[in-house]
Amino acid sequence: MALVDRDETTTTGMRGGGYYDAHSEYQRRVAGTAAELIARCVEGVPPPPGGGTFVVADYGCSTGRNSAASVRAAVSAVRARRPGRPVAAIHNDLPTNDWNELFANLRGSHEPDGVLALASAVSFFEPAAPAGSVHLGMSFSAAHWLRRQPEVVVPEGVYFCDATGQARAMLEAEAEADWTAFLAARAADLAPGGRLLVQMVGTAPSAGAAGPRVTGRLLLRAMGEVAAQMAREGALDPAAVARYLLPVYARTPAEARRPLEDPGSPLRGAFDVEACRIDEVPNPYLDAWRADGDADAYARSYAGFARAFTESSLREHLLAPGAAAADVDRLADDFYARLTERFAADPERDRFEDWTLTVVLARR
């Protein structure tokens, strides 16, 4: 393990221009599992007094197609309780998000009529709405991102679960501090009795010899091996490959609960935990390949999915610092083309396995 002198943001957001919307079927499938939970959360929120506006916030909304579907579910639940109640939807993401694409999606009737659409262009590690104003906060496939690029080197791979010893301890501590900051910001945003629903990639503990089941482990192994191959061929600086770590941490349920329950935590007493569980979500790309046997189509879909959410990080923290000769655009195209070829050659080997961690909290 070695330290690196970096303090950069981990990502500028998901790939814009409609690319993420077109290649996020897995994220839509995950968010779709929460429809019943969204309705239950709305039912549990005390109605705003005097017929006031019910405020929904989506933290990490990206370019809006998936976000709007979850907002629609929330609005339907609100209007089922009181048809005439006004609703405002706060769409939160980084200032570097593709906001033009988000609002194009909203104009395309992805959000229900009569809903006031608002944008909050700040990190979700800080308050993102007026204090005490949010009745239902939601976050899908976003809260697993770390706040800063980890200052550790993990020569064994490019994912947190490849780290051992002091490097692993540092990543665990950083992930806990980030989760605590995310929850503290939501405690500031939420009204008393408000609900927070978060879904993120998770780790399912296992008592078996295989060890914990970590979301995305096989994908990240493949990405690390492609990067190492490019370094051996001189396309990437080996030192940059050795330094790179995808800034995502897949928490266990115990890790998710810790800041809420530890006696010394500043968040103890801020929330009641209504749900904290792991669920396996089937892979839509693999399901399609198993049905039609088209390995090339599978590989294109899977590589597009991977590129949609990893390219920003790779560009900033691997490809740009590691470019040996080619420009970054060409390197990115080469990297994902190699990944596509690898997926087509053996669809099962690098399959994406997802254990989604769902957390539902009630603000006291």
Protein backbone atom coordinates (compact mmCIF):
# COMPACT_ATOMS: atom_id res chain seq x y z
CA MET A 1 0.00 0.00 0.00
CA ALA A 2 1.23 3.47 -0.85
CA LEU A 3 -0.18 6.95 -0.56
CA VAL A 4 -0.81 9.18 -3.55
CA ASP A 5 -1.10 12.95 -3.41
CA ARG A 6 -4.58 13.56 -4.81
CA ASP A 7 -7.73 15.32 -3.63
CA GLU A 8 -9.95 15.46 -6.69
CA THR A 9 -13.62 14.86 -7.21
CA THR A 10 -14.30 11.28 -8.16
CA THR A 11 -16.62 11.85 -11.10
CA THR A 12 -18.13 14.68 -13.10
CA GLY A 13 -21.33 12.67 -13.45
CA MET A 14 -22.69 9.94 -15.66
CA ARG A 15 -22.00 10.14 -19.40
CA GLY A 16 -24.30 12.77 -20.91
CA GLY A 17 -25.92 13.41 -24.26
CA GLY A 18 -28.51 10.70 -23.65
CA TYR A 19 -25.87 7.95 -23.40
CA TYR A 20 -26.51 7.12 -19.74
CA ASP A 21 -30.27 7.09 -20.27
CA ALA A 22 -29.84 4.66 -23.16
CA HIS A 23 -27.46 2.36 -21.25
CA SER A 24 -28.87 2.22 -17.72
CA GLU A 25 -31.38 -0.62 -17.98
CA TYR A 26 -29.82 -2.21 -14.91
CA GLN A 27 -30.30 0.97 -12.87
CA ARG A 28 -33.92 1.17 -14.06
CA ARG A 29 -34.46 -2.42 -12.99
CA VAL A 30 -33.03 -1.68 -9.55
CA ALA A 31 -35.15 1.46 -9.10
CA GLY A 32 -38.22 -0.43 -10.28
CA THR A 33 -37.93 -2.75 -7.29
CA ALA A 34 -38.63 0.24 -5.02
CA ALA A 35 -42.10 1.17 -6.30
CA GLU A 36 -43.89 -0.40 -3.34
CA LEU A 37 -41.40 1.11 -0.89
CA ILE A 38 -41.98 4.58 -2.37
CA ALA A 39 -45.73 4.25 -1.78
CA ARG A 40 -45.16 3.04 1.80
CA CYS A 41 -42.80 5.93 2.48
CA VAL A 42 -45.37 8.46 1.26
CA GLU A 43 -48.03 6.83 3.44
CA GLY A 44 -45.78 7.21 6.48
CA VAL A 45 -45.06 10.92 6.02
CA PRO A 46 -47.24 13.35 8.02
CA PRO A 47 -49.15 15.48 5.48
CA PRO A 48 -47.81 19.02 5.11
CA PRO A 49 -50.00 21.35 7.17
CA GLY A 50 -52.66 23.46 5.54
CA GLY A 51 -52.60 21.61 2.25
CA GLY A 52 -48.99 22.71 1.67
CA THR A 53 -46.62 21.43 -1.00
CA PHE A 54 -45.29 17.89 -0.72
CA VAL A 55 -41.59 18.01 -1.60
CA VAL A 56 -39.80 15.06 -3.21
CA ALA A 57 -36.02 15.13 -3.68
CA ASP A 58 -33.98 12.76 -5.82
CA TYR A 59 -30.31 12.78 -4.86
CA GLY A 60 -28.00 11.84 -7.72
CA CYS A 61 -30.64 12.20 -10.43
CA SER A 62 -28.19 12.07 -13.37
CA THR A 63 -29.89 12.92 -16.68
CA GLY A 64 -33.39 12.23 -15.50
CA ARG A 65 -34.97 9.29 -17.30
CA ASN A 66 -34.65 6.95 -14.32
CA SER A 67 -35.15 9.76 -11.83
CA ALA A 68 -38.43 10.85 -13.38
CA ALA A 69 -39.87 7.32 -13.17
CA SER A 70 -39.27 7.26 -9.41
CA VAL A 71 -40.68 10.77 -9.03
CA ARG A 72 -43.79 9.69 -10.95
CA ALA A 73 -44.28 6.82 -8.50
CA ALA A 74 -43.96 9.21 -5.58
CA VAL A 75 -46.36 11.75 -7.08
CA SER A 76 -48.92 9.01 -7.77
CA ALA A 77 -48.74 7.96 -4.12
CA VAL A 78 -49.13 11.57 -2.93
CA ARG A 79 -52.09 12.22 -5.22
CA ALA A 80 -53.74 8.96 -4.15
CA ARG A 81 -53.85 10.36 -0.61
CA ARG A 82 -54.99 13.84 -1.67
CA PRO A 83 -55.60 14.44 -5.40
CA GLY A 84 -55.19 18.20 -5.29
CA ARG A 85 -52.03 18.44 -3.23
CA PRO A 86 -49.26 20.47 -4.91
CA VAL A 87 -45.97 18.63 -5.39
CA ALA A 88 -42.43 19.92 -6.00
CA ALA A 89 -39.63 17.66 -7.21
CA ILE A 90 -36.02 18.62 -6.51
CA HIS A 91 -33.57 16.96 -8.91
CA ASN A 92 -30.11 16.97 -7.33
CA ASP A 93 -26.75 16.22 -8.90
CA LEU A 94 -23.31 17.72 -9.43
CA PRO A 95 -22.91 21.06 -11.25
CA THR A 96 -21.14 19.08 -14.02
CA ASN A 97 -24.20 16.89 -14.61
CA ASP A 98 -25.82 17.10 -18.07
CA TRP A 99 -28.65 19.37 -16.93
CA ASN A 100 -29.76 20.10 -20.49
CA GLU A 101 -30.52 16.41 -20.95
CA LEU A 102 -32.35 16.29 -17.61
CA PHE A 103 -34.69 19.14 -18.49
CA ALA A 104 -35.18 17.80 -22.01
CA ASN A 105 -36.38 14.60 -20.38
CA LEU A 106 -38.70 16.51 -18.09
CA ARG A 107 -40.12 18.47 -21.03
CA GLY A 108 -40.70 15.13 -22.74
CA SER A 109 -43.43 14.35 -20.19
CA HIS A 110 -41.30 12.07 -18.05
CA GLU A 111 -42.56 13.96 -15.00
CA PRO A 112 -46.28 14.29 -14.17
CA ASP A 113 -48.27 17.43 -14.97
CA GLY A 114 -48.65 19.92 -12.18
CA VAL A 115 -45.30 19.08 -10.55
CA LEU A 116 -42.89 21.94 -9.98
CA ALA A 117 -39.49 20.70 -11.20
CA LEU A 118 -36.48 22.21 -9.44
CA ALA A 119 -32.73 21.66 -9.81
CA SER A 120 -30.19 21.48 -7.00
CA ALA A 121 -26.68 21.54 -8.45
CA VAL A 122 -24.59 20.65 -5.41
CA SER A 123 -22.88 17.57 -4.06
CA PHE A 124 -25.21 15.33 -2.08
CA PHE A 125 -22.60 15.25 0.67
CA GLU A 126 -23.98 18.63 1.74
CA PRO A 127 -27.53 19.92 2.25
CA ALA A 128 -29.28 20.15 -1.11
CA ALA A 129 -32.65 21.71 -0.17
CA PRO A 130 -34.00 24.33 2.25
CA ALA A 131 -33.69 23.06 5.82
CA GLY A 132 -36.54 20.80 6.91
CA SER A 133 -38.37 21.09 3.59
CA VAL A 134 -38.17 17.60 2.05
CA HIS A 135 -40.91 15.08 2.80
CA LEU A 136 -39.53 12.20 0.73
CA GLY A 137 -35.87 11.92 -0.18
CA MET A 138 -34.78 9.23 -2.64
CA SER A 139 -31.45 8.15 -4.08
CA PHE A 140 -30.91 5.34 -6.57
CA SER A 141 -27.58 3.87 -7.72
CA ALA A 142 -25.62 6.90 -6.51
CA ALA A 143 -24.77 6.85 -2.79
CA HIS A 144 -22.03 4.24 -3.29
CA TRP A 145 -19.76 6.86 -4.93
CA LEU A 146 -17.02 8.17 -2.67
CA ARG A 147 -16.57 11.90 -2.17
CA ARG A 148 -12.88 12.03 -3.17
CA GLN A 149 -10.54 9.87 -5.19
CA PRO A 150 -9.08 7.43 -2.61
CA GLU A 151 -5.51 8.21 -1.63
CA VAL A 152 -4.40 4.60 -1.63
CA VAL A 153 -2.76 2.30 -4.14
CA VAL A 154 -4.12 -1.23 -4.51
CA PRO A 155 -1.75 -3.11 -6.85
CA GLU A 156 -3.97 -6.18 -6.66
CA GLY A 157 -6.86 -4.58 -8.57
CA VAL A 158 -9.03 -1.52 -9.22
CA TYR A 159 -11.88 -2.05 -6.73
CA PHE A 160 -12.16 -1.58 -2.98
CA CYS A 161 -12.64 -5.31 -2.34
CA ASP A 162 -9.18 -5.98 -3.81
CA ALA A 163 -7.57 -3.95 -1.03
CA THR A 164 -6.06 -5.59 2.03
CA GLY A 165 -4.49 -4.49 5.29
CA GLN A 166 -4.04 -0.77 5.88
CA ALA A 167 -5.37 0.12 2.42
CA ARG A 168 -8.64 -1.68 3.12
CA ALA A 169 -8.93 -0.08 6.55
CA MET A 170 -8.45 3.37 5.00
CA LEU A 171 -11.12 2.72 2.38
CA GLU A 172 -13.57 1.46 5.00
CA ALA A 173 -12.98 4.57 7.11
CA GLU A 174 -13.41 6.88 4.11
CA ALA A 175 -16.62 5.13 3.05
CA GLU A 176 -18.05 5.40 6.57
CA ALA A 177 -17.20 9.12 6.76
CA ASP A 178 -18.85 9.72 3.38
CA TRP A 179 -22.01 7.78 4.29
CA THR A 180 -22.20 9.72 7.56
CA ALA A 181 -21.87 13.01 5.66
CA PHE A 182 -24.58 11.95 3.18
CA LEU A 183 -26.96 11.06 6.03
CA ALA A 184 -26.18 14.25 7.98
CA ALA A 185 -27.03 16.30 4.89
CA ARG A 186 -30.33 14.43 4.52
CA ALA A 187 -31.10 14.99 8.20
CA ALA A 188 -30.79 18.72 7.47
CA ASP A 189 -33.01 18.51 4.37
CA LEU A 190 -35.83 16.37 5.73
CA ALA A 191 -38.92 17.58 7.54
CA PRO A 192 -39.82 15.84 10.82
CA GLY A 193 -41.43 12.54 9.92
CA GLY A 194 -39.97 12.67 6.41
CA ARG A 195 -38.68 9.49 4.80
CA LEU A 196 -35.40 8.71 3.09
CA LEU A 197 -35.16 5.81 0.63
CA VAL A 198 -31.67 4.91 -0.62
CA GLN A 199 -30.67 2.09 -2.96
CA MET A 200 -27.00 1.52 -3.77
CA VAL A 201 -24.71 -1.31 -4.73
CA GLY A 202 -24.03 -3.52 -1.74
CA THR A 203 -22.09 -6.44 -0.35
CA ALA A 204 -23.97 -9.49 0.88
CA PRO A 205 -22.12 -11.16 3.75
CA SER A 206 -21.57 -14.88 3.29
CA ALA A 207 -20.50 -17.57 5.72
CA GLY A 208 -19.33 -19.77 2.84
CA ALA A 209 -15.80 -20.34 1.62
CA ALA A 210 -16.35 -17.98 -1.34
CA GLY A 211 -16.56 -14.98 0.98
CA PRO A 212 -18.75 -11.88 0.66
CA ARG A 213 -20.74 -11.36 -2.53
CA VAL A 214 -19.66 -7.94 -3.80
CA THR A 215 -21.66 -6.10 -6.45
CA GLY A 216 -19.63 -5.55 -9.62
CA ARG A 217 -16.61 -7.59 -8.56
CA LEU A 218 -16.33 -9.54 -11.83
CA LEU A 219 -16.80 -6.44 -13.98
CA LEU A 220 -14.08 -4.56 -12.13
CA ARG A 221 -11.74 -7.55 -12.36
CA ALA A 222 -12.24 -7.46 -16.14
CA MET A 223 -11.63 -3.71 -16.29
CA GLY A 224 -8.46 -4.05 -14.25
CA GLU A 225 -7.15 -6.79 -16.52
CA VAL A 226 -7.90 -4.75 -19.66
CA ALA A 227 -6.04 -1.76 -18.18
CA ALA A 228 -3.08 -3.98 -17.25
CA GLN A 229 -2.97 -5.38 -20.80
CA MET A 230 -2.93 -1.85 -22.25
CA ALA A 231 -0.05 -0.99 -19.91
CA ARG A 232 1.94 -4.03 -21.04
CA GLU A 233 1.44 -2.93 -24.64
CA GLY A 234 2.61 0.61 -23.92
CA ALA A 235 -0.75 2.31 -24.38
CA LEU A 236 -1.00 3.28 -20.70
CA ASP A 237 1.55 4.22 -18.07
CA PRO A 238 1.88 1.20 -15.71
CA ALA A 239 2.20 3.56 -12.73
CA ALA A 240 -1.17 5.15 -13.54
CA VAL A 241 -2.76 1.71 -13.79
CA ALA A 242 -1.26 0.72 -10.44
CA ARG A 243 -2.67 3.88 -8.83
CA TYR A 244 -6.19 3.68 -10.22
CA LEU A 245 -9.12 2.65 -8.03
CA LEU A 246 -12.79 3.03 -9.00
CA PRO A 247 -14.15 5.32 -6.25
CA VAL A 248 -17.15 3.15 -5.37
CA TYR A 249 -17.76 1.30 -2.10
CA ALA A 250 -20.38 -1.44 -1.83
CA ARG A 251 -21.52 -1.41 1.79
CA THR A 252 -22.90 -4.25 3.87
CA PRO A 253 -26.13 -3.73 5.84
CA ALA A 254 -24.05 -3.57 9.03
CA GLU A 255 -21.92 -0.78 7.57
CA ALA A 256 -25.04 1.10 6.52
CA ARG A 257 -26.50 0.92 10.02
CA ARG A 258 -23.33 1.77 11.93
CA PRO A 259 -23.52 5.61 11.83
CA LEU A 260 -27.18 5.41 12.87
CA GLU A 261 -26.69 3.11 15.84
CA ASP A 262 -23.20 3.60 17.30
CA PRO A 263 -23.46 5.35 20.68
CA GLY A 264 -20.88 7.97 19.75
CA SER A 265 -22.26 8.78 16.31
CA PRO A 266 -23.53 12.35 15.72
CA LEU A 267 -26.45 10.79 13.82
CA ARG A 268 -27.65 8.58 16.65
CA GLY A 269 -31.27 9.56 17.30
CA ALA A 270 -31.69 11.42 14.01
CA PHE A 271 -33.51 8.59 12.22
CA ASP A 272 -35.50 5.45 12.83
CA VAL A 273 -34.39 2.55 10.63
CA GLU A 274 -37.44 1.12 8.85
CA ALA A 275 -35.55 -1.16 6.43
CA CYS A 276 -31.95 -2.14 5.77
CA ARG A 277 -31.57 -5.17 3.55
CA ILE A 278 -29.77 -6.77 0.61
CA ASP A 279 -31.61 -8.07 -2.46
CA GLU A 280 -30.12 -9.70 -5.53
CA VAL A 281 -31.28 -8.02 -8.76
CA PRO A 282 -31.20 -10.11 -11.98
CA ASN A 283 -28.98 -8.97 -14.85
CA PRO A 284 -31.09 -7.77 -17.83
CA TYR A 285 -28.21 -8.08 -20.31
CA LEU A 286 -27.38 -11.62 -19.27
CA ASP A 287 -31.07 -12.55 -19.27
CA ALA A 288 -31.33 -11.37 -22.89
CA TRP A 289 -28.21 -13.34 -23.96
CA ARG A 290 -29.47 -16.50 -22.28
CA ALA A 291 -32.74 -16.09 -24.19
CA ASP A 292 -31.39 -15.27 -27.67
CA GLY A 293 -27.75 -16.42 -27.64
CA ASP A 294 -26.54 -13.21 -29.32
CA ALA A 295 -23.16 -12.71 -27.64
CA ASP A 296 -22.27 -9.63 -29.72
CA ALA A 297 -25.48 -7.83 -28.75
CA TYR A 298 -24.91 -8.80 -25.13
CA ALA A 299 -21.35 -7.48 -25.22
CA ARG A 300 -22.41 -4.14 -26.72
CA SER A 301 -25.18 -3.67 -24.16
CA TYR A 302 -23.00 -4.68 -21.22
CA ALA A 303 -20.03 -2.55 -22.29
CA GLY A 304 -22.38 0.41 -22.87
CA PHE A 305 -23.73 -0.02 -19.36
CA ALA A 306 -20.19 -0.10 -17.95
CA ARG A 307 -19.07 2.91 -19.97
CA ALA A 308 -22.10 4.99 -18.98
CA PHE A 309 -21.17 5.06 -15.31
CA THR A 310 -17.38 4.47 -15.26
CA GLU A 311 -16.03 6.61 -18.11
CA SER A 312 -15.92 9.89 -16.21
CA SER A 313 -13.81 8.34 -13.46
CA LEU A 314 -11.52 6.50 -15.87
CA ARG A 315 -10.92 9.61 -17.96
CA GLU A 316 -9.99 11.78 -14.99
CA HIS A 317 -7.99 9.32 -12.91
CA LEU A 318 -6.62 6.65 -15.26
CA LEU A 319 -6.65 7.57 -18.94
CA ALA A 320 -5.63 11.24 -18.75
CA PRO A 321 -2.74 10.71 -16.31
CA GLY A 322 -1.77 7.42 -17.96
CA ALA A 323 -1.88 8.41 -21.63
CA ALA A 324 1.35 7.29 -23.29
CA ALA A 325 0.77 8.46 -26.86
CA ALA A 326 -2.89 8.47 -27.92
CA ASP A 327 -5.33 11.16 -26.90
CA VAL A 328 -7.83 10.42 -24.17
CA ASP A 329 -10.80 10.02 -26.53
CA ARG A 330 -8.97 7.34 -28.50
CA LEU A 331 -7.82 5.63 -25.31
CA ALA A 332 -11.37 5.54 -23.97
CA ASP A 333 -12.70 4.09 -27.21
CA ASP A 334 -9.91 1.49 -27.22
CA PHE A 335 -10.50 0.54 -23.59
CA TYR A 336 -14.23 -0.07 -23.99
CA ALA A 337 -13.75 -1.79 -27.36
CA ARG A 338 -11.42 -4.28 -25.67
CA LEU A 339 -13.95 -4.74 -22.91
CA THR A 340 -16.69 -5.38 -25.48
CA GLU A 341 -14.57 -8.00 -27.24
CA ARG A 342 -13.86 -9.72 -23.94
CA PHE A 343 -17.55 -9.81 -22.98
CA ALA A 344 -18.52 -11.34 -26.33
CA ALA A 345 -15.90 -14.08 -26.04
CA ASP A 346 -17.28 -15.39 -22.74
CA PRO A 347 -20.55 -13.78 -21.55
CA GLU A 348 -20.63 -15.62 -18.22
CA ARG A 349 -17.05 -14.94 -17.11
CA ASP A 350 -17.34 -11.22 -16.41
CA ARG A 351 -21.09 -11.03 -15.74
CA PHE A 352 -22.37 -8.18 -13.61
CA GLU A 353 -23.76 -9.47 -10.32
CA ASP A 354 -25.77 -7.05 -8.24
CA TRP A 355 -26.71 -7.20 -4.59
CA THR A 356 -28.63 -3.98 -4.00
CA LEU A 357 -28.56 -2.46 -0.54
CA THR A 358 -31.87 -0.76 0.34
CA VAL A 359 -32.11 1.59 3.32
CA VAL A 360 -35.35 3.29 4.46
CA LEU A 361 -35.15 5.85 7.25
CA ALA A 362 -37.70 8.02 9.06
CA ARG A 363 -36.59 11.45 10.27
CA ARG A 364 -37.33 11.99 13.94
